[in-house]
Structures are given as C-alpha cells and as structure tokens.
Amino acid sequence: MADRYDPKQIEPKWQRIWADEHTWEVSNDDAATQPSAYILEMLPYPSGEPHIGHLKTYSVGDAVAHFRRRNGDIVLHPMGYDAFGLPAENHAIRT
C-alpha cells in the first residue's frame, strides 16, 4: 500500500520546482514571431455519470497543449463549462 499523501511534505517541493522553472508564467514577448496554437476540445458539461469519454477528450488536449508550451509555442487552451442540461437533470433525479 502506498504512503498516505502528506501535502505539507510534498507540495513545497513541487512549488519550488514550478517557481524555478517559471511553469505558470506566460510572456508576450516576440508573440508575433513564435509559433502559436489554439487547442480546444469539447467543453465539459454535466451529462450524468462520468465516463471514459471524459478522460480521453480532456487528457489528449491537455497533453497536446502542454507539449506545445514546453516546446516554446504560444498556446491558447481555453476551458469553459457548458450549462446544466436535461441529461444532468435526469441523472440527478435518478440518483
């Protein structure tokens, strides 16, 4: 069995690495000369039970966006949220 997750032990390590690598910083310098990408998968919406389609859809887009960013491209990867609809309402009634 794996050790219990201890955020006080683990989080400082990764926050330090992210700060050193400037992971979450985005520069607009040379924006006109750098390759750019717009990566959009279907927007999430509550359609009832989560299924493998959710994982397949969002993980691929996230991996592509991360790869392009790590290779120096300027990436716009929006994540919105669709409104609740009838499938979500029916699922809520059933469960």
N, C-alpha and C. Protein backbone atom coordinates (compact mmCIF):
# COMPACT_ATOMS: atom_id res chain seq x y z
N MET A 1 0.84 -1.18 0.00
CA MET A 1 0.00 0.00 0.00
C MET A 1 0.89 1.25 0.00
N ALA A 2 0.49 2.24 -0.74
CA ALA A 2 1.27 3.48 -0.85
C ALA A 2 1.16 4.29 0.43
N ASP A 3 2.18 5.12 0.65
CA ASP A 3 2.15 6.01 1.81
C ASP A 3 1.02 7.02 1.64
N ARG A 4 0.54 7.48 2.75
CA ARG A 4 -0.52 8.48 2.73
C ARG A 4 0.02 9.81 2.20
N TYR A 5 -0.78 10.49 1.40
CA TYR A 5 -0.40 11.78 0.82
C TYR A 5 -0.30 12.82 1.93
N ASP A 6 0.86 13.44 2.03
CA ASP A 6 1.08 14.49 3.03
C ASP A 6 1.41 15.78 2.29
N PRO A 7 0.43 16.66 2.13
CA PRO A 7 0.68 17.88 1.35
C PRO A 7 1.77 18.77 1.94
N LYS A 8 1.94 18.77 3.25
CA LYS A 8 2.97 19.62 3.86
C LYS A 8 4.37 19.16 3.48
N GLN A 9 4.49 17.88 3.16
CA GLN A 9 5.79 17.35 2.75
C GLN A 9 6.00 17.47 1.25
N ILE A 10 4.99 17.20 0.47
CA ILE A 10 5.12 17.10 -0.98
C ILE A 10 4.97 18.45 -1.70
N GLU A 11 4.00 19.24 -1.31
CA GLU A 11 3.70 20.48 -2.03
C GLU A 11 4.86 21.47 -2.09
N PRO A 12 5.58 21.72 -0.99
CA PRO A 12 6.69 22.68 -1.09
C PRO A 12 7.73 22.29 -2.15
N LYS A 13 8.00 21.00 -2.27
CA LYS A 13 8.97 20.54 -3.28
C LYS A 13 8.52 20.95 -4.67
N TRP A 14 7.28 20.65 -5.01
CA TRP A 14 6.80 20.92 -6.36
C TRP A 14 6.59 22.40 -6.60
N GLN A 15 6.16 23.13 -5.58
CA GLN A 15 6.00 24.57 -5.74
C GLN A 15 7.35 25.22 -6.01
N ARG A 16 8.41 24.73 -5.38
CA ARG A 16 9.76 25.25 -5.61
C ARG A 16 10.21 24.95 -7.05
N ILE A 17 9.96 23.72 -7.50
CA ILE A 17 10.33 23.34 -8.88
C ILE A 17 9.58 24.20 -9.88
N TRP A 18 8.27 24.37 -9.68
CA TRP A 18 7.47 25.18 -10.60
C TRP A 18 7.94 26.62 -10.60
N ALA A 19 8.30 27.14 -9.44
CA ALA A 19 8.79 28.52 -9.38
C ALA A 19 10.14 28.65 -10.10
N ASP A 20 11.03 27.67 -9.90
CA ASP A 20 12.34 27.71 -10.56
C ASP A 20 12.22 27.60 -12.08
N GLU A 21 11.27 26.80 -12.55
CA GLU A 21 11.08 26.61 -13.99
C GLU A 21 10.16 27.65 -14.62
N HIS A 22 9.58 28.51 -13.80
CA HIS A 22 8.62 29.52 -14.28
C HIS A 22 7.47 28.84 -15.03
N THR A 23 7.00 27.75 -14.48
CA THR A 23 5.99 26.92 -15.14
C THR A 23 4.74 27.68 -15.50
N TRP A 24 4.26 28.56 -14.64
CA TRP A 24 2.96 29.21 -14.86
C TRP A 24 3.10 30.62 -15.41
N GLU A 25 4.29 31.02 -15.82
CA GLU A 25 4.48 32.35 -16.37
C GLU A 25 4.33 32.33 -17.88
N VAL A 26 3.68 33.34 -18.41
CA VAL A 26 3.47 33.44 -19.85
C VAL A 26 3.97 34.79 -20.30
N SER A 27 4.85 34.79 -21.27
CA SER A 27 5.42 36.03 -21.79
C SER A 27 4.76 36.38 -23.12
N ASN A 28 4.54 37.66 -23.34
CA ASN A 28 4.02 38.11 -24.62
C ASN A 28 5.12 38.65 -25.52
N ASP A 29 6.37 38.54 -25.07
CA ASP A 29 7.49 38.99 -25.89
C ASP A 29 7.60 38.12 -27.14
N ASP A 30 7.88 38.75 -28.25
CA ASP A 30 8.06 38.04 -29.53
C ASP A 30 6.84 37.20 -29.91
N ALA A 31 5.68 37.64 -29.50
CA ALA A 31 4.46 36.87 -29.79
C ALA A 31 4.20 36.75 -31.30
N ALA A 32 4.59 37.76 -32.06
CA ALA A 32 4.34 37.72 -33.50
C ALA A 32 5.25 36.75 -34.22
N THR A 33 6.40 36.43 -33.64
CA THR A 33 7.36 35.57 -34.33
C THR A 33 7.36 34.13 -33.85
N GLN A 34 6.72 33.85 -32.71
CA GLN A 34 6.70 32.49 -32.19
C GLN A 34 5.54 31.70 -32.79
N PRO A 35 5.72 30.38 -32.96
CA PRO A 35 4.59 29.56 -33.40
C PRO A 35 3.48 29.61 -32.35
N SER A 36 2.25 29.53 -32.81
CA SER A 36 1.14 29.59 -31.87
C SER A 36 0.14 28.49 -32.20
N ALA A 37 -0.68 28.18 -31.19
CA ALA A 37 -1.68 27.13 -31.37
C ALA A 37 -2.92 27.48 -30.55
N TYR A 38 -4.07 27.11 -31.08
CA TYR A 38 -5.34 27.24 -30.38
C TYR A 38 -5.86 25.81 -30.23
N ILE A 39 -5.90 25.32 -29.00
CA ILE A 39 -6.28 23.93 -28.76
C ILE A 39 -7.58 23.91 -27.97
N LEU A 40 -8.61 23.37 -28.57
CA LEU A 40 -9.92 23.34 -27.93
C LEU A 40 -10.54 21.97 -28.12
N GLU A 41 -10.77 21.28 -27.03
CA GLU A 41 -11.57 20.06 -27.09
C GLU A 41 -12.99 20.43 -26.69
N MET A 42 -13.88 19.47 -26.71
CA MET A 42 -15.27 19.80 -26.35
C MET A 42 -15.31 20.37 -24.93
N LEU A 43 -16.18 21.32 -24.72
CA LEU A 43 -16.29 21.91 -23.39
C LEU A 43 -17.02 20.92 -22.48
N PRO A 44 -16.59 20.84 -21.21
CA PRO A 44 -17.24 19.89 -20.31
C PRO A 44 -18.65 20.34 -19.95
N TYR A 45 -19.48 19.38 -19.78
CA TYR A 45 -20.84 19.66 -19.30
C TYR A 45 -21.29 18.46 -18.49
N PRO A 46 -22.09 18.68 -17.50
CA PRO A 46 -22.53 17.59 -16.63
C PRO A 46 -23.60 16.76 -17.32
N SER A 47 -23.20 15.63 -17.86
CA SER A 47 -24.15 14.81 -18.61
C SER A 47 -24.55 13.57 -17.84
N GLY A 48 -24.39 13.58 -16.54
CA GLY A 48 -24.72 12.41 -15.76
C GLY A 48 -23.46 11.76 -15.26
N GLU A 49 -23.39 10.44 -15.38
CA GLU A 49 -22.23 9.68 -14.89
C GLU A 49 -20.97 10.02 -15.69
N PRO A 50 -19.85 10.26 -15.01
CA PRO A 50 -18.59 10.41 -15.73
C PRO A 50 -18.26 9.09 -16.46
N HIS A 51 -17.64 9.19 -17.61
CA HIS A 51 -17.30 8.00 -18.38
C HIS A 51 -15.93 8.20 -19.03
N ILE A 52 -15.43 7.16 -19.65
CA ILE A 52 -14.09 7.18 -20.22
C ILE A 52 -13.95 8.25 -21.30
N GLY A 53 -15.05 8.63 -21.92
CA GLY A 53 -15.00 9.69 -22.93
C GLY A 53 -14.49 11.00 -22.36
N HIS A 54 -14.81 11.28 -21.09
CA HIS A 54 -14.31 12.50 -20.47
C HIS A 54 -12.79 12.45 -20.38
N LEU A 55 -12.26 11.36 -19.89
CA LEU A 55 -10.81 11.22 -19.74
C LEU A 55 -10.11 11.31 -21.10
N LYS A 56 -10.63 10.59 -22.08
CA LYS A 56 -9.99 10.60 -23.41
C LYS A 56 -9.98 12.00 -24.00
N THR A 57 -11.09 12.69 -23.90
CA THR A 57 -11.20 14.00 -24.53
C THR A 57 -10.28 15.02 -23.90
N TYR A 58 -10.33 15.16 -22.59
CA TYR A 58 -9.59 16.24 -21.95
C TYR A 58 -8.12 15.93 -21.77
N SER A 59 -7.76 14.68 -21.56
CA SER A 59 -6.34 14.37 -21.34
C SER A 59 -5.52 14.56 -22.61
N VAL A 60 -6.09 14.24 -23.75
CA VAL A 60 -5.35 14.40 -25.01
C VAL A 60 -5.12 15.88 -25.31
N GLY A 61 -6.15 16.70 -25.19
CA GLY A 61 -6.00 18.13 -25.43
C GLY A 61 -5.02 18.77 -24.46
N ASP A 62 -5.09 18.36 -23.20
CA ASP A 62 -4.18 18.89 -22.20
C ASP A 62 -2.74 18.49 -22.50
N ALA A 63 -2.53 17.25 -22.91
CA ALA A 63 -1.18 16.78 -23.24
C ALA A 63 -0.62 17.53 -24.46
N VAL A 64 -1.45 17.75 -25.47
CA VAL A 64 -1.00 18.46 -26.67
C VAL A 64 -0.64 19.91 -26.31
N ALA A 65 -1.50 20.57 -25.53
CA ALA A 65 -1.23 21.95 -25.13
C ALA A 65 0.05 22.03 -24.30
N HIS A 66 0.22 21.11 -23.38
CA HIS A 66 1.43 21.11 -22.54
C HIS A 66 2.68 20.88 -23.40
N PHE A 67 2.61 19.94 -24.32
CA PHE A 67 3.74 19.65 -25.21
C PHE A 67 4.11 20.89 -26.03
N ARG A 68 3.10 21.54 -26.60
CA ARG A 68 3.38 22.73 -27.42
C ARG A 68 3.98 23.85 -26.59
N ARG A 69 3.47 24.05 -25.36
CA ARG A 69 4.03 25.08 -24.48
C ARG A 69 5.47 24.78 -24.12
N ARG A 70 5.74 23.52 -23.79
CA ARG A 70 7.10 23.11 -23.41
C ARG A 70 8.09 23.26 -24.55
N ASN A 71 7.59 23.30 -25.78
CA ASN A 71 8.45 23.46 -26.94
C ASN A 71 8.48 24.89 -27.45
N GLY A 72 8.01 25.83 -26.62
CA GLY A 72 8.15 27.24 -26.94
C GLY A 72 7.01 27.89 -27.70
N ASP A 73 5.96 27.15 -28.00
CA ASP A 73 4.84 27.75 -28.73
C ASP A 73 3.98 28.57 -27.77
N ILE A 74 3.29 29.54 -28.33
CA ILE A 74 2.28 30.29 -27.58
C ILE A 74 0.97 29.53 -27.76
N VAL A 75 0.38 29.12 -26.66
CA VAL A 75 -0.79 28.24 -26.72
C VAL A 75 -1.97 28.88 -26.01
N LEU A 76 -3.10 28.93 -26.70
CA LEU A 76 -4.36 29.32 -26.08
C LEU A 76 -5.17 28.03 -25.92
N HIS A 77 -5.40 27.64 -24.68
CA HIS A 77 -6.10 26.38 -24.38
C HIS A 77 -7.24 26.69 -23.42
N PRO A 78 -8.36 27.21 -23.95
CA PRO A 78 -9.45 27.63 -23.07
C PRO A 78 -10.19 26.44 -22.48
N MET A 79 -10.69 26.64 -21.29
CA MET A 79 -11.51 25.62 -20.65
C MET A 79 -12.76 26.33 -20.13
N GLY A 80 -13.86 26.04 -20.74
CA GLY A 80 -15.13 26.63 -20.30
C GLY A 80 -15.97 25.57 -19.62
N TYR A 81 -17.20 25.88 -19.39
CA TYR A 81 -18.10 24.92 -18.76
C TYR A 81 -19.48 25.15 -19.31
N ASP A 82 -20.03 24.15 -19.94
CA ASP A 82 -21.35 24.25 -20.53
C ASP A 82 -22.40 24.22 -19.42
N ALA A 83 -23.56 24.78 -19.70
CA ALA A 83 -24.62 24.84 -18.70
C ALA A 83 -25.24 23.46 -18.45
N PHE A 84 -25.86 23.35 -17.31
CA PHE A 84 -26.57 22.10 -17.00
C PHE A 84 -27.70 21.91 -17.99
N GLY A 85 -27.92 20.68 -18.40
CA GLY A 85 -28.97 20.38 -19.35
C GLY A 85 -29.84 19.25 -18.85
N LEU A 86 -30.69 18.77 -19.71
CA LEU A 86 -31.64 17.71 -19.36
C LEU A 86 -30.95 16.42 -18.93
N PRO A 87 -29.86 15.97 -19.58
CA PRO A 87 -29.21 14.74 -19.11
C PRO A 87 -28.73 14.84 -17.67
N ALA A 88 -28.19 15.99 -17.29
CA ALA A 88 -27.74 16.16 -15.92
C ALA A 88 -28.91 16.19 -14.96
N GLU A 89 -29.99 16.84 -15.35
CA GLU A 89 -31.19 16.89 -14.51
C GLU A 89 -31.76 15.49 -14.32
N ASN A 90 -31.84 14.71 -15.40
CA ASN A 90 -32.36 13.34 -15.28
C ASN A 90 -31.47 12.47 -14.40
N HIS A 91 -30.16 12.65 -14.52
CA HIS A 91 -29.25 11.88 -13.67
C HIS A 91 -29.44 12.27 -12.21
N ALA A 92 -29.61 13.55 -11.94
CA ALA A 92 -29.82 14.00 -10.55
C ALA A 92 -31.12 13.41 -9.98
N ILE A 93 -32.14 13.33 -10.78
CA ILE A 93 -33.41 12.76 -10.33
C ILE A 93 -33.23 11.26 -10.02
N ARG A 94 -32.51 10.54 -10.91
CA ARG A 94 -32.33 9.10 -10.71
C ARG A 94 -31.48 8.79 -9.48
N THR A 95 -30.50 9.64 -9.20
CA THR A 95 -29.58 9.32 -8.11
C THR A 95 -29.84 10.13 -6.87
